């Protein structure tokens, strides 16, 4: 899945610290890769505890809540 700046995502895979497990963040930059494989694209993500650069394979899109 391809993400874009402003998408809310969860840090799902390869989490080094418990505080980061399933943490919600916002993509602030996209760093394309030369292979064209979405899972290898790098994303800079702002979390409450700081910004991290993660592979697309490490994150999952957070579904937008639907206000009724």
PDB file of N, CA and C in Angstrom:
ATOM      1  N   UNK A   1       0.843  -1.181   0.000  1.00  0.00           N
ATOM      2  CA  UNK A   1       0.000   0.000   0.000  1.00  0.00           C
ATOM      3  C   UNK A   1       0.883   1.238   0.000  1.00  0.00           C
ATOM      4  N   UNK A   2       0.514   2.183  -0.792  1.00  0.00           N
ATOM      5  CA  UNK A   2       1.265   3.429  -0.879  1.00  0.00           C
ATOM      6  C   UNK A   2       0.639   4.467   0.035  1.00  0.00           C
ATOM      7  N   UNK A   3       1.474   5.168   0.798  1.00  0.00           N
ATOM      8  CA  UNK A   3       1.012   6.189   1.725  1.00  0.00           C
ATOM      9  C   UNK A   3       1.412   7.556   1.205  1.00  0.00           C
ATOM     10  N   UNK A   4       0.797   8.604   1.739  1.00  0.00           N
ATOM     11  CA  UNK A   4       1.146   9.960   1.334  1.00  0.00           C
ATOM     12  C   UNK A   4       1.267  10.851   2.566  1.00  0.00           C
ATOM     13  N   UNK A   5       1.875  12.018   2.387  1.00  0.00           N
ATOM     14  CA  UNK A   5       2.030  12.976   3.477  1.00  0.00           C
ATOM     15  C   UNK A   5       0.652  13.304   4.042  1.00  0.00           C
ATOM     16  N   UNK A   6       0.549  13.289   5.363  1.00  0.00           N
ATOM     17  CA  UNK A   6      -0.699  13.589   6.049  1.00  0.00           C
ATOM     18  C   UNK A   6      -1.481  12.361   6.474  1.00  0.00           C
ATOM     19  N   UNK A   7      -1.143  11.181   5.916  1.00  0.00           N
ATOM     20  CA  UNK A   7      -1.830   9.942   6.315  1.00  0.00           C
ATOM     21  C   UNK A   7      -1.503   9.605   7.767  1.00  0.00           C
ATOM     22  N   UNK A   8      -2.516   9.136   8.494  1.00  0.00           N
ATOM     23  CA  UNK A   8      -2.293   8.629   9.843  1.00  0.00           C
ATOM     24  C   UNK A   8      -2.024   7.135   9.742  1.00  0.00           C
ATOM     25  N   UNK A   9      -0.949   6.690  10.407  1.00  0.00           N
ATOM     26  CA  UNK A   9      -0.534   5.289  10.333  1.00  0.00           C
ATOM     27  C   UNK A   9      -0.188   4.768  11.726  1.00  0.00           C
ATOM     28  N   UNK A  10      -0.161   3.446  11.846  1.00  0.00           N
ATOM     29  CA  UNK A  10       0.280   2.790  13.081  1.00  0.00           C
ATOM     30  C   UNK A  10       1.587   2.061  12.810  1.00  0.00           C
ATOM     31  N   UNK A  11       2.494   2.112  13.783  1.00  0.00           N
ATOM     32  CA  UNK A  11       3.784   1.423  13.698  1.00  0.00           C
ATOM     33  C   UNK A  11       3.528  -0.020  14.092  1.00  0.00           C
ATOM     34  N   UNK A  12       3.477  -0.917  13.114  1.00  0.00           N
ATOM     35  CA  UNK A  12       3.049  -2.303  13.335  1.00  0.00           C
ATOM     36  C   UNK A  12       4.189  -3.314  13.473  1.00  0.00           C
ATOM     37  N   UNK A  13       5.223  -3.187  12.666  1.00  0.00           N
ATOM     38  CA  UNK A  13       6.249  -4.240  12.593  1.00  0.00           C
ATOM     39  C   UNK A  13       7.625  -3.692  12.925  1.00  0.00           C
ATOM     40  N   UNK A  14       8.431  -4.521  13.567  1.00  0.00           N
ATOM     41  CA  UNK A  14       9.814  -4.148  13.869  1.00  0.00           C
ATOM     42  C   UNK A  14       9.921  -3.061  14.919  1.00  0.00           C
ATOM     43  N   UNK A  15       9.015  -3.081  15.888  1.00  0.00           N
ATOM     44  CA  UNK A  15       8.994  -2.042  16.915  1.00  0.00           C
ATOM     45  C   UNK A  15      10.088  -2.313  17.953  1.00  0.00           C
ATOM     46  N   UNK A  16      11.051  -1.392  18.091  1.00  0.00           N
ATOM     47  CA  UNK A  16      12.155  -1.619  19.028  1.00  0.00           C
ATOM     48  C   UNK A  16      11.805  -1.350  20.490  1.00  0.00           C
ATOM     49  N   UNK A  17      10.804  -0.537  20.744  1.00  0.00           N
ATOM     50  CA  UNK A  17      10.445  -0.195  22.120  1.00  0.00           C
ATOM     51  C   UNK A  17       8.953  -0.399  22.336  1.00  0.00           C
ATOM     52  N   UNK A  18       8.588  -0.796  23.543  1.00  0.00           N
ATOM     53  CA  UNK A  18       7.173  -1.030  23.839  1.00  0.00           C
ATOM     54  C   UNK A  18       6.323   0.219  23.670  1.00  0.00           C
ATOM     55  N   UNK A  19       6.868   1.402  23.990  1.00  0.00           N
ATOM     56  CA  UNK A  19       6.074   2.628  23.864  1.00  0.00           C
ATOM     57  C   UNK A  19       5.698   2.903  22.411  1.00  0.00           C
ATOM     58  N   UNK A  20       6.448   2.341  21.470  1.00  0.00           N
ATOM     59  CA  UNK A  20       6.189   2.581  20.057  1.00  0.00           C
ATOM     60  C   UNK A  20       5.232   1.553  19.453  1.00  0.00           C
ATOM     61  N   UNK A  21       5.012   0.452  20.152  1.00  0.00           N
ATOM     62  CA  UNK A  21       4.164  -0.609  19.603  1.00  0.00           C
ATOM     63  C   UNK A  21       2.756  -0.085  19.337  1.00  0.00           C
ATOM     64  N   UNK A  22       2.327  -0.187  18.086  1.00  0.00           N
ATOM     65  CA  UNK A  22       1.019   0.281  17.633  1.00  0.00           C
ATOM     66  C   UNK A  22       0.812   1.776  17.833  1.00  0.00           C
ATOM     67  N   UNK A  23       1.898   2.545  17.923  1.00  0.00           N
ATOM     68  CA  UNK A  23       1.787   3.985  18.097  1.00  0.00           C
ATOM     69  C   UNK A  23       1.196   4.627  16.846  1.00  0.00           C
ATOM     70  N   UNK A  24       0.375   5.636  17.060  1.00  0.00           N
ATOM     71  CA  UNK A  24      -0.249   6.371  15.975  1.00  0.00           C
ATOM     72  C   UNK A  24       0.605   7.580  15.631  1.00  0.00           C
ATOM     73  N   UNK A  25       0.863   7.764  14.334  1.00  0.00           N
ATOM     74  CA  UNK A  25       1.648   8.902  13.886  1.00  0.00           C
ATOM     75  C   UNK A  25       1.145   9.421  12.552  1.00  0.00           C
ATOM     76  N   UNK A  26       1.721  10.533  12.119  1.00  0.00           N
ATOM     77  CA  UNK A  26       1.340  11.164  10.857  1.00  0.00           C
ATOM     78  C   UNK A  26       2.554  11.242   9.943  1.00  0.00           C
ATOM     79  N   UNK A  27       2.379  10.839   8.698  1.00  0.00           N
ATOM     80  CA  UNK A  27       3.467  10.894   7.723  1.00  0.00           C
ATOM     81  C   UNK A  27       3.766  12.348   7.391  1.00  0.00           C
ATOM     82  N   UNK A  28       5.051  12.732   7.534  1.00  0.00           N
ATOM     83  CA  UNK A  28       5.459  14.100   7.245  1.00  0.00           C
ATOM     84  C   UNK A  28       6.364  14.193   6.019  1.00  0.00           C
ATOM     85  N   UNK A  29       6.875  13.060   5.543  1.00  0.00           N
ATOM     86  CA  UNK A  29       7.698  13.048   4.329  1.00  0.00           C
ATOM     87  C   UNK A  29       7.729  11.648   3.737  1.00  0.00           C
ATOM     88  N   UNK A  30       7.839  11.588   2.406  1.00  0.00           N
ATOM     89  CA  UNK A  30       7.939  10.315   1.692  1.00  0.00           C
ATOM     90  C   UNK A  30       9.277  10.317   0.960  1.00  0.00           C
ATOM     91  N   UNK A  31      10.050   9.230   1.144  1.00  0.00           N
ATOM     92  CA  UNK A  31      11.360   9.090   0.501  1.00  0.00           C
ATOM     93  C   UNK A  31      11.280   7.894  -0.441  1.00  0.00           C
ATOM     94  N   UNK A  32      11.019   8.144  -1.745  1.00  0.00           N
ATOM     95  CA  UNK A  32      10.857   7.037  -2.689  1.00  0.00           C
ATOM     96  C   UNK A  32      12.134   6.201  -2.824  1.00  0.00           C
ATOM     97  N   UNK A  33      11.954   4.954  -3.235  1.00  0.00           N
ATOM     98  CA  UNK A  33      13.112   4.088  -3.468  1.00  0.00           C
ATOM     99  C   UNK A  33      13.210   3.794  -4.957  1.00  0.00           C
ATOM    100  N   UNK A  34      14.372   3.350  -5.382  1.00  0.00           N
ATOM    101  CA  UNK A  34      14.622   3.116  -6.807  1.00  0.00           C
ATOM    102  C   UNK A  34      13.973   1.844  -7.334  1.00  0.00           C
ATOM    103  N   UNK A  35      13.568   0.940  -6.455  1.00  0.00           N
ATOM    104  CA  UNK A  35      13.001  -0.333  -6.906  1.00  0.00           C
ATOM    105  C   UNK A  35      11.538  -0.216  -7.293  1.00  0.00           C
ATOM    106  N   UNK A  36      10.853   0.793  -6.761  1.00  0.00           N
ATOM    107  CA  UNK A  36       9.430   0.930  -7.033  1.00  0.00           C
ATOM    108  C   UNK A  36       8.565   0.017  -6.178  1.00  0.00           C
ATOM    109  N   UNK A  37       9.161  -0.679  -5.211  1.00  0.00           N
ATOM    110  CA  UNK A  37       8.424  -1.572  -4.326  1.00  0.00           C
ATOM    111  C   UNK A  37       7.920  -0.756  -3.135  1.00  0.00           C
ATOM    112  N   UNK A  38       6.584  -0.689  -2.978  1.00  0.00           N
ATOM    113  CA  UNK A  38       5.995   0.131  -1.917  1.00  0.00           C
ATOM    114  C   UNK A  38       6.525  -0.215  -0.533  1.00  0.00           C
ATOM    115  N   UNK A  39       6.752  -1.490  -0.258  1.00  0.00           N
ATOM    116  CA  UNK A  39       7.209  -1.913   1.069  1.00  0.00           C
ATOM    117  C   UNK A  39       8.602  -1.384   1.402  1.00  0.00           C
ATOM    118  N   UNK A  40       9.363  -0.983   0.379  1.00  0.00           N
ATOM    119  CA  UNK A  40      10.715  -0.475   0.598  1.00  0.00           C
ATOM    120  C   UNK A  40      10.791   1.044   0.590  1.00  0.00           C
ATOM    121  N   UNK A  41       9.665   1.708   0.324  1.00  0.00           N
ATOM    122  CA  UNK A  41       9.622   3.163   0.397  1.00  0.00           C
ATOM    123  C   UNK A  41       9.787   3.569   1.852  1.00  0.00           C
ATOM    124  N   UNK A  42      10.550   4.632   2.090  1.00  0.00           N
ATOM    125  CA  UNK A  42      10.752   5.137   3.441  1.00  0.00           C
ATOM    126  C   UNK A  42       9.789   6.283   3.716  1.00  0.00           C
ATOM    127  N   UNK A  43       9.276   6.301   4.941  1.00  0.00           N
ATOM    128  CA  UNK A  43       8.348   7.352   5.363  1.00  0.00           C
ATOM    129  C   UNK A  43       8.842   7.962   6.650  1.00  0.00           C
ATOM    130  N   UNK A  44       8.889   9.281   6.690  1.00  0.00           N
ATOM    131  CA  UNK A  44       9.204   9.959   7.939  1.00  0.00           C
ATOM    132  C   UNK A  44       7.877  10.214   8.630  1.00  0.00           C
ATOM    133  N   UNK A  45       7.786   9.758   9.868  1.00  0.00           N
ATOM    134  CA  UNK A  45       6.521   9.790  10.594  1.00  0.00           C
ATOM    135  C   UNK A  45       6.711  10.501  11.928  1.00  0.00           C
ATOM    136  N   UNK A  46       5.815  11.435  12.210  1.00  0.00           N
ATOM    137  CA  UNK A  46       5.850  12.158  13.482  1.00  0.00           C
ATOM    138  C   UNK A  46       4.938  11.454  14.480  1.00  0.00           C
ATOM    139  N   UNK A  47       5.540  10.982  15.567  1.00  0.00           N
ATOM    140  CA  UNK A  47       4.804  10.378  16.673  1.00  0.00           C
ATOM    141  C   UNK A  47       4.846  11.342  17.853  1.00  0.00           C
ATOM    142  N   UNK A  48       4.063  11.091  18.881  1.00  0.00           N
ATOM    143  CA  UNK A  48       4.084  11.932  20.079  1.00  0.00           C
ATOM    144  C   UNK A  48       5.467  11.962  20.727  1.00  0.00           C
ATOM    145  N   UNK A  49       6.232  10.893  20.556  1.00  0.00           N
ATOM    146  CA  UNK A  49       7.542  10.767  21.203  1.00  0.00           C
ATOM    147  C   UNK A  49       8.697  11.067  20.263  1.00  0.00           C
ATOM    148  N   UNK A  50       8.407  11.624  19.078  1.00  0.00           N
ATOM    149  CA  UNK A  50       9.459  12.002  18.143  1.00  0.00           C
ATOM    150  C   UNK A  50       9.199  11.533  16.732  1.00  0.00           C
ATOM    151  N   UNK A  51      10.074  11.935  15.821  1.00  0.00           N
ATOM    152  CA  UNK A  51       9.953  11.553  14.410  1.00  0.00           C
ATOM    153  C   UNK A  51      10.877  10.368  14.125  1.00  0.00           C
ATOM    154  N   UNK A  52      10.373   9.419  13.317  1.00  0.00           N
ATOM    155  CA  UNK A  52      11.143   8.241  12.936  1.00  0.00           C
ATOM    156  C   UNK A  52      10.963   7.991  11.450  1.00  0.00           C
ATOM    157  N   UNK A  53      11.977   7.414  10.820  1.00  0.00           N
ATOM    158  CA  UNK A  53      11.904   7.029   9.422  1.00  0.00           C
ATOM    159  C   UNK A  53      11.728   5.521   9.351  1.00  0.00           C
ATOM    160  N   UNK A  54      10.632   5.086   8.728  1.00  0.00           N
ATOM    161  CA  UNK A  54      10.276   3.671   8.689  1.00  0.00           C
ATOM    162  C   UNK A  54       9.981   3.230   7.267  1.00  0.00           C
ATOM    163  N   UNK A  55      10.174   1.924   7.022  1.00  0.00           N
ATOM    164  CA  UNK A  55       9.784   1.335   5.745  1.00  0.00           C
ATOM    165  C   UNK A  55       8.267   1.177   5.687  1.00  0.00           C
ATOM    166  N   UNK A  56       7.719   1.186   4.493  1.00  0.00           N
ATOM    167  CA  UNK A  56       6.295   0.972   4.304  1.00  0.00           C
ATOM    168  C   UNK A  56       5.822  -0.343   4.887  1.00  0.00           C
ATOM    169  N   UNK A  57       6.693  -1.348   4.914  1.00  0.00           N
ATOM    170  CA  UNK A  57       6.328  -2.660   5.458  1.00  0.00           C
ATOM    171  C   UNK A  57       6.175  -2.632   6.985  1.00  0.00           C
ATOM    172  N   UNK A  58       6.633  -1.552   7.634  1.00  0.00           N
ATOM    173  CA  UNK A  58       6.564  -1.463   9.093  1.00  0.00           C
ATOM    174  C   UNK A  58       5.318  -0.736   9.596  1.00  0.00           C
ATOM    175  N   UNK A  59       4.537  -0.180   8.680  1.00  0.00           N
ATOM    176  CA  UNK A  59       3.391   0.627   9.097  1.00  0.00           C
ATOM    177  C   UNK A  59       2.105   0.143   8.443  1.00  0.00           C
ATOM    178  N   UNK A  60       0.997   0.522   9.054  1.00  0.00           N
ATOM    179  CA  UNK A  60      -0.323   0.192   8.515  1.00  0.00           C
ATOM    180  C   UNK A  60      -1.189   1.439   8.587  1.00  0.00           C
ATOM    181  N   UNK A  61      -1.995   1.636   7.570  1.00  0.00           N
ATOM    182  CA  UNK A  61      -2.866   2.810   7.538  1.00  0.00           C
ATOM    183  C   UNK A  61      -3.906   2.732   8.644  1.00  0.00           C
ATOM    184  N   UNK A  62      -4.093   3.850   9.314  1.00  0.00           N
ATOM    185  CA  UNK A  62      -5.091   3.941  10.365  1.00  0.00           C
ATOM    186  C   UNK A  62      -6.411   4.361   9.719  1.00  0.00           C
ATOM    187  N   UNK A  63      -7.434   3.529   9.844  1.00  0.00           N
ATOM    188  CA  UNK A  63      -8.724   3.902   9.246  1.00  0.00           C
ATOM    189  C   UNK A  63      -9.253   5.182   9.873  1.00  0.00           C
ATOM    190  N   UNK A  64      -9.767   6.060   9.057  1.00  0.00           N
ATOM    191  CA  UNK A  64     -10.350   7.307   9.554  1.00  0.00           C
ATOM    192  C   UNK A  64     -11.638   7.006  10.286  1.00  0.00           C
ATOM    193  N   UNK A  65     -11.812   7.608  11.454  1.00  0.00           N
ATOM    194  CA  UNK A  65     -13.063   7.399  12.183  1.00  0.00           C
ATOM    195  C   UNK A  65     -14.167   8.173  11.468  1.00  0.00           C
ATOM    196  N   UNK A  66     -15.336   7.581  11.479  1.00  0.00           N
ATOM    197  CA  UNK A  66     -16.467   8.204  10.794  1.00  0.00           C
ATOM    198  C   UNK A  66     -17.428   8.763  11.824  1.00  0.00           C
ATOM    199  N   UNK A  67     -17.460  10.073  11.888  1.00  0.00           N
ATOM    200  CA  UNK A  67     -18.381  10.717  12.824  1.00  0.00           C
ATOM    201  C   UNK A  67     -19.798  10.631  12.264  1.00  0.00           C
ATOM    202  N   UNK A  68     -20.728  10.286  13.125  1.00  0.00           N
ATOM    203  CA  UNK A  68     -22.073  10.086  12.635  1.00  0.00           C
ATOM    204  C   UNK A  68     -22.906  11.216  12.957  1.00  0.00           C
TER     205      UNK A  68
END
